[in-house]
Amino acid sequence: MSELNYLTKETLAQMKEELNKLKTVGRAEIARQIAEAREKGDLKENAEYDAAKEAQGHHEAKIAQLESAIVTARVIDAKDIDTSKVSILSKVTVTHLGNKKTFVYQIVSEKEADLKLGKISVTSPIGKGLLGKHVGDIAEVTAPSGKFSFKVESITI
């Protein structure tokens, strides 16, 4: 079994909804495409049939991935977050010690990460570097673009 997948209630609900659509509407559509392609004759030389079968394989893989993520999901409630240190769902204000710019990041699961919204994955280099730090701590982060130092200014929910 894979490691735990920490999510908010909302994200887990979205994942379950997507899984339901994939299993119902998605499977029905692929079955229709396969049936349509099958009607066109010899399956050995039928590119449409091959494409539909390949799409079916990708579809089933996505279903399996979502099922696995849901099984390993653990819902975290904001009221359970300890703001004395950086943890998943924390909002962290940090100062980049190299350029003195201030950033606010929320540490989230891989599924919820969206840098444009300031949500970084707990498994990203910055997320890993900040995890467990307290206000005033310096986080040394090694990213593909080099090494960075961040000072933790505040931790909120």
C-alpha atoms as a PDB file:
ATOM      1  CA  MET A   1       0.000   0.000   0.000  1.00  0.00           C
ATOM      2  CA  SER A   2       1.279   3.479  -0.758  1.00  0.00           C
ATOM      3  CA  GLU A   3       1.884   6.133   1.856  1.00  0.00           C
ATOM      4  CA  LEU A   4      -0.894   8.206   3.378  1.00  0.00           C
ATOM      5  CA  ASN A   5      -2.391  10.960   1.302  1.00  0.00           C
ATOM      6  CA  TYR A   6      -3.479  13.957   3.432  1.00  0.00           C
ATOM      7  CA  LEU A   7      -6.409  15.888   1.982  1.00  0.00           C
ATOM      8  CA  THR A   8      -9.071  18.386   2.892  1.00  0.00           C
ATOM      9  CA  LYS A   9     -12.690  17.236   2.989  1.00  0.00           C
ATOM     10  CA  GLU A  10     -13.411  19.253  -0.151  1.00  0.00           C
ATOM     11  CA  THR A  11     -10.621  17.650  -2.173  1.00  0.00           C
ATOM     12  CA  LEU A  12     -11.648  14.155  -1.117  1.00  0.00           C
ATOM     13  CA  ALA A  13     -15.232  14.902  -2.183  1.00  0.00           C
ATOM     14  CA  GLN A  14     -13.986  16.182  -5.578  1.00  0.00           C
ATOM     15  CA  MET A  15     -11.911  13.031  -6.060  1.00  0.00           C
ATOM     16  CA  LYS A  16     -14.880  10.783  -5.237  1.00  0.00           C
ATOM     17  CA  GLU A  17     -17.070  12.734  -7.661  1.00  0.00           C
ATOM     18  CA  GLU A  18     -14.468  12.424 -10.428  1.00  0.00           C
ATOM     19  CA  LEU A  19     -14.108   8.693  -9.759  1.00  0.00           C
ATOM     20  CA  ASN A  20     -17.871   8.233  -9.998  1.00  0.00           C
ATOM     21  CA  LYS A  21     -17.959  10.070 -13.359  1.00  0.00           C
ATOM     22  CA  LEU A  22     -15.067   7.997 -14.696  1.00  0.00           C
ATOM     23  CA  LYS A  23     -16.751   4.754 -13.673  1.00  0.00           C
ATOM     24  CA  THR A  24     -20.163   5.647 -15.080  1.00  0.00           C
ATOM     25  CA  VAL A  25     -20.148   8.203 -17.888  1.00  0.00           C
ATOM     26  CA  GLY A  26     -16.513   7.623 -18.891  1.00  0.00           C
ATOM     27  CA  ARG A  27     -16.739   3.839 -19.103  1.00  0.00           C
ATOM     28  CA  ALA A  28     -20.019   4.050 -21.033  1.00  0.00           C
ATOM     29  CA  GLU A  29     -18.479   6.434 -23.571  1.00  0.00           C
ATOM     30  CA  ILE A  30     -15.429   4.216 -24.115  1.00  0.00           C
ATOM     31  CA  ALA A  31     -17.634   1.131 -24.473  1.00  0.00           C
ATOM     32  CA  ARG A  32     -19.644   3.010 -27.129  1.00  0.00           C
ATOM     33  CA  GLN A  33     -16.441   3.963 -28.988  1.00  0.00           C
ATOM     34  CA  ILE A  34     -15.198   0.355 -28.917  1.00  0.00           C
ATOM     35  CA  ALA A  35     -18.549  -0.955 -30.168  1.00  0.00           C
ATOM     36  CA  GLU A  36     -18.604   1.632 -32.955  1.00  0.00           C
ATOM     37  CA  ALA A  37     -15.077   0.727 -34.044  1.00  0.00           C
ATOM     38  CA  ARG A  38     -15.865  -2.999 -33.870  1.00  0.00           C
ATOM     39  CA  GLU A  39     -18.709  -2.508 -36.345  1.00  0.00           C
ATOM     40  CA  LYS A  40     -16.251  -1.192 -38.935  1.00  0.00           C
ATOM     41  CA  GLY A  41     -14.843  -4.586 -39.780  1.00  0.00           C
ATOM     42  CA  ASP A  42     -11.628  -6.529 -39.347  1.00  0.00           C
ATOM     43  CA  LEU A  43     -10.156  -5.763 -35.934  1.00  0.00           C
ATOM     44  CA  LYS A  44      -6.595  -6.620 -37.022  1.00  0.00           C
ATOM     45  CA  GLU A  45      -6.393  -3.572 -39.284  1.00  0.00           C
ATOM     46  CA  ASN A  46      -8.787  -1.264 -37.464  1.00  0.00           C
ATOM     47  CA  ALA A  47      -6.940   1.798 -36.128  1.00  0.00           C
ATOM     48  CA  GLU A  48     -10.088   3.199 -34.502  1.00  0.00           C
ATOM     49  CA  TYR A  49     -10.527  -0.010 -32.506  1.00  0.00           C
ATOM     50  CA  ASP A  50      -6.873   0.047 -31.408  1.00  0.00           C
ATOM     51  CA  ALA A  51      -7.202   3.699 -30.346  1.00  0.00           C
ATOM     52  CA  ALA A  52     -10.405   3.008 -28.422  1.00  0.00           C
ATOM     53  CA  LYS A  53      -8.801   0.047 -26.612  1.00  0.00           C
ATOM     54  CA  GLU A  54      -5.763   2.192 -25.758  1.00  0.00           C
ATOM     55  CA  ALA A  55      -8.063   4.946 -24.433  1.00  0.00           C
ATOM     56  CA  GLN A  56      -9.808   2.293 -22.342  1.00  0.00           C
ATOM     57  CA  GLY A  57      -6.461   1.285 -20.814  1.00  0.00           C
ATOM     58  CA  HIS A  58      -5.616   4.890 -19.916  1.00  0.00           C
ATOM     59  CA  HIS A  59      -9.101   5.383 -18.485  1.00  0.00           C
ATOM     60  CA  GLU A  60      -8.858   2.278 -16.281  1.00  0.00           C
ATOM     61  CA  ALA A  61      -5.388   3.344 -15.098  1.00  0.00           C
ATOM     62  CA  LYS A  62      -6.787   6.722 -14.028  1.00  0.00           C
ATOM     63  CA  ILE A  63      -9.613   4.969 -12.164  1.00  0.00           C
ATOM     64  CA  ALA A  64      -7.095   2.731 -10.372  1.00  0.00           C
ATOM     65  CA  GLN A  65      -4.947   5.746  -9.450  1.00  0.00           C
ATOM     66  CA  LEU A  66      -7.924   7.646  -8.017  1.00  0.00           C
ATOM     67  CA  GLU A  67      -9.132   4.583  -6.105  1.00  0.00           C
ATOM     68  CA  SER A  68      -5.676   4.171  -4.586  1.00  0.00           C
ATOM     69  CA  ALA A  69      -5.508   7.860  -3.619  1.00  0.00           C
ATOM     70  CA  ILE A  70      -8.952   7.688  -2.003  1.00  0.00           C
ATOM     71  CA  VAL A  71      -8.126   4.500  -0.069  1.00  0.00           C
ATOM     72  CA  THR A  72      -4.952   6.064   1.345  1.00  0.00           C
ATOM     73  CA  ALA A  73      -6.592   9.446   2.026  1.00  0.00           C
ATOM     74  CA  ARG A  74      -6.686  10.890   5.494  1.00  0.00           C
ATOM     75  CA  VAL A  75      -8.850  13.957   5.983  1.00  0.00           C
ATOM     76  CA  ILE A  76      -7.309  16.790   7.943  1.00  0.00           C
ATOM     77  CA  ASP A  77      -9.486  19.373   9.624  1.00  0.00           C
ATOM     78  CA  ALA A  78      -8.140  22.903  10.046  1.00  0.00           C
ATOM     79  CA  LYS A  79      -9.042  22.908  13.758  1.00  0.00           C
ATOM     80  CA  ASP A  80      -6.622  19.995  14.324  1.00  0.00           C
ATOM     81  CA  ILE A  81      -3.590  21.844  12.955  1.00  0.00           C
ATOM     82  CA  ASP A  82      -0.795  22.749  15.376  1.00  0.00           C
ATOM     83  CA  THR A  83       0.367  26.250  14.405  1.00  0.00           C
ATOM     84  CA  SER A  84       3.495  26.090  16.558  1.00  0.00           C
ATOM     85  CA  LYS A  85       5.269  24.353  13.670  1.00  0.00           C
ATOM     86  CA  VAL A  86       4.820  24.006   9.911  1.00  0.00           C
ATOM     87  CA  SER A  87       2.604  21.054   9.011  1.00  0.00           C
ATOM     88  CA  ILE A  88       0.250  20.081   6.229  1.00  0.00           C
ATOM     89  CA  LEU A  89      -2.478  22.724   5.661  1.00  0.00           C
ATOM     90  CA  SER A  90      -0.407  25.379   7.486  1.00  0.00           C
ATOM     91  CA  LYS A  91      -0.094  28.793   5.859  1.00  0.00           C
ATOM     92  CA  VAL A  92       3.503  29.876   6.213  1.00  0.00           C
ATOM     93  CA  THR A  93       4.892  33.345   5.658  1.00  0.00           C
ATOM     94  CA  VAL A  94       8.563  33.100   4.746  1.00  0.00           C
ATOM     95  CA  THR A  95      11.284  35.501   3.700  1.00  0.00           C
ATOM     96  CA  HIS A  96      13.714  34.393   1.014  1.00  0.00           C
ATOM     97  CA  LEU A  97      17.056  35.308   2.560  1.00  0.00           C
ATOM     98  CA  GLY A  98      18.717  35.738  -0.840  1.00  0.00           C
ATOM     99  CA  ASN A  99      16.434  38.396  -2.317  1.00  0.00           C
ATOM    100  CA  LYS A 100      14.516  39.454   0.851  1.00  0.00           C
ATOM    101  CA  LYS A 101      11.152  38.799  -0.821  1.00  0.00           C
ATOM    102  CA  THR A 102       8.291  37.551   1.341  1.00  0.00           C
ATOM    103  CA  PHE A 103       6.055  34.679   0.253  1.00  0.00           C
ATOM    104  CA  VAL A 104       2.982  33.033   1.756  1.00  0.00           C
ATOM    105  CA  TYR A 105       2.607  29.329   1.065  1.00  0.00           C
ATOM    106  CA  GLN A 106       0.025  26.818   2.164  1.00  0.00           C
ATOM    107  CA  ILE A 107       1.434  23.329   2.542  1.00  0.00           C
ATOM    108  CA  VAL A 108      -0.959  20.853   0.890  1.00  0.00           C
ATOM    109  CA  SER A 109      -1.028  17.352  -0.586  1.00  0.00           C
ATOM    110  CA  GLU A 110       0.281  16.700  -4.093  1.00  0.00           C
ATOM    111  CA  LYS A 111      -3.293  16.530  -5.400  1.00  0.00           C
ATOM    112  CA  GLU A 112      -4.109  20.022  -4.114  1.00  0.00           C
ATOM    113  CA  ALA A 113      -0.871  21.793  -5.082  1.00  0.00           C
ATOM    114  CA  ASP A 114      -1.297  24.919  -7.211  1.00  0.00           C
ATOM    115  CA  LEU A 115       1.592  27.382  -7.145  1.00  0.00           C
ATOM    116  CA  LYS A 116      -0.551  30.160  -8.655  1.00  0.00           C
ATOM    117  CA  LEU A 117      -2.746  29.955  -5.540  1.00  0.00           C
ATOM    118  CA  GLY A 118       0.250  29.742  -3.210  1.00  0.00           C
ATOM    119  CA  LYS A 119      -0.407  26.062  -2.462  1.00  0.00           C
ATOM    120  CA  ILE A 120       2.758  23.972  -2.496  1.00  0.00           C
ATOM    121  CA  SER A 121       3.025  20.232  -2.145  1.00  0.00           C
ATOM    122  CA  VAL A 122       4.273  18.751   1.092  1.00  0.00           C
ATOM    123  CA  THR A 123       6.580  16.619  -1.086  1.00  0.00           C
ATOM    124  CA  SER A 124       8.057  19.571  -3.032  1.00  0.00           C
ATOM    125  CA  PRO A 125      11.569  20.757  -2.127  1.00  0.00           C
ATOM    126  CA  ILE A 126      10.218  23.887  -0.390  1.00  0.00           C
ATOM    127  CA  GLY A 127       7.421  21.927   1.316  1.00  0.00           C
ATOM    128  CA  LYS A 128       9.885  19.348   2.631  1.00  0.00           C
ATOM    129  CA  GLY A 129      12.278  22.065   3.759  1.00  0.00           C
ATOM    130  CA  LEU A 130       9.608  23.971   5.692  1.00  0.00           C
ATOM    131  CA  LEU A 131       7.886  20.977   7.294  1.00  0.00           C
ATOM    132  CA  GLY A 132       8.397  20.894  11.066  1.00  0.00           C
ATOM    133  CA  LYS A 133      10.012  24.343  11.249  1.00  0.00           C
ATOM    134  CA  HIS A 134       8.981  26.900  13.905  1.00  0.00           C
ATOM    135  CA  VAL A 135       8.680  30.696  13.683  1.00  0.00           C
ATOM    136  CA  GLY A 136      12.191  32.135  13.439  1.00  0.00           C
ATOM    137  CA  ASP A 137      13.739  28.935  12.029  1.00  0.00           C
ATOM    138  CA  ILE A 138      15.759  28.978   8.822  1.00  0.00           C
ATOM    139  CA  ALA A 139      14.804  26.367   6.236  1.00  0.00           C
ATOM    140  CA  GLU A 140      17.548  25.274   3.865  1.00  0.00           C
ATOM    141  CA  VAL A 141      15.944  24.169   0.605  1.00  0.00           C
ATOM    142  CA  THR A 142      17.670  22.361  -2.241  1.00  0.00           C
ATOM    143  CA  ALA A 143      15.657  22.762  -5.428  1.00  0.00           C
ATOM    144  CA  PRO A 144      16.543  21.955  -9.043  1.00  0.00           C
ATOM    145  CA  SER A 145      17.510  25.611  -9.530  1.00  0.00           C
ATOM    146  CA  GLY A 146      19.877  25.672  -6.542  1.00  0.00           C
ATOM    147  CA  LYS A 147      19.980  26.097  -2.777  1.00  0.00           C
ATOM    148  CA  PHE A 148      17.798  28.636  -1.000  1.00  0.00           C
ATOM    149  CA  SER A 149      17.284  29.751   2.579  1.00  0.00           C
ATOM    150  CA  PHE A 150      13.925  30.820   3.935  1.00  0.00           C
ATOM    151  CA  LYS A 151      13.197  32.337   7.329  1.00  0.00           C
ATOM    152  CA  VAL A 152       9.831  31.322   8.795  1.00  0.00           C
ATOM    153  CA  GLU A 153       8.051  34.574   9.774  1.00  0.00           C
ATOM    154  CA  SER A 154       4.620  33.236  10.800  1.00  0.00           C
ATOM    155  CA  ILE A 155       2.469  30.100  10.769  1.00  0.00           C
ATOM    156  CA  THR A 156      -1.326  30.262  10.563  1.00  0.00           C
ATOM    157  CA  ILE A 157      -4.243  28.177   9.398  1.00  0.00           C
END
